[in-house]
Amino acid sequence: MDERKTRTEDFAKFVGISNSAIRMWYTGYARPDIEKIPAICKFFNVSSDYLLGMSPVASPNLDVKAICEKTGLSPRAVEVLIGLKKIYNPLIEFLNSLIENDYIKVYINRYIDYIDGTRDLTKPCGCVCDDMYSCITNISRFAELEYDLFINDLYDRLRE
């Protein structure tokens, strides 16, 4: 309850239990009745899977939870992306172009190898670049070009 900066009394009232019951849960002398799980989840805005330790994703939104579990993105990142799609679809198109680009895939794989200690940045990386530094530079240039196109499109739309 420390994270939400809430009072024990508010929680007890919401869940329909006594303050002493909460103290017993907190100290480990008792556990919540299964009938209280939905109210506890609703109060803290978490899924029952998260509350019971069966999922690392707290979000009660099943779509967000599924995307997080498949991609490793945080619930906040998923919610931001969903919100961006509703507000400004060209940004999603920009992100897609970055993610789907073959150079990005090569870079990500090479970077993972580098983090794992199996790749030397000064050695050829296996793509069209001479070495990893060149690869990173080329990807950065592509990202900048895509970003410039995105910004120009956004500017044009705002002027209309």
Foldseek 3Di string as FASTA:
>chain_A
DVVVPDDLVVLCVQLVHDSVVVVCCVVVVDNDDPVSLVSNCVVVQFDSCVVVVNAVAGHNPPVLRVCCVVPVDHSVVVVVVVVCCVVPVVVVVLVCCLVVDPLNVLLVVQVVCVVVVNHDQCCCSPDPDRGSVRSVVVSVVVSVVSVVVSVVVVVVVVVD
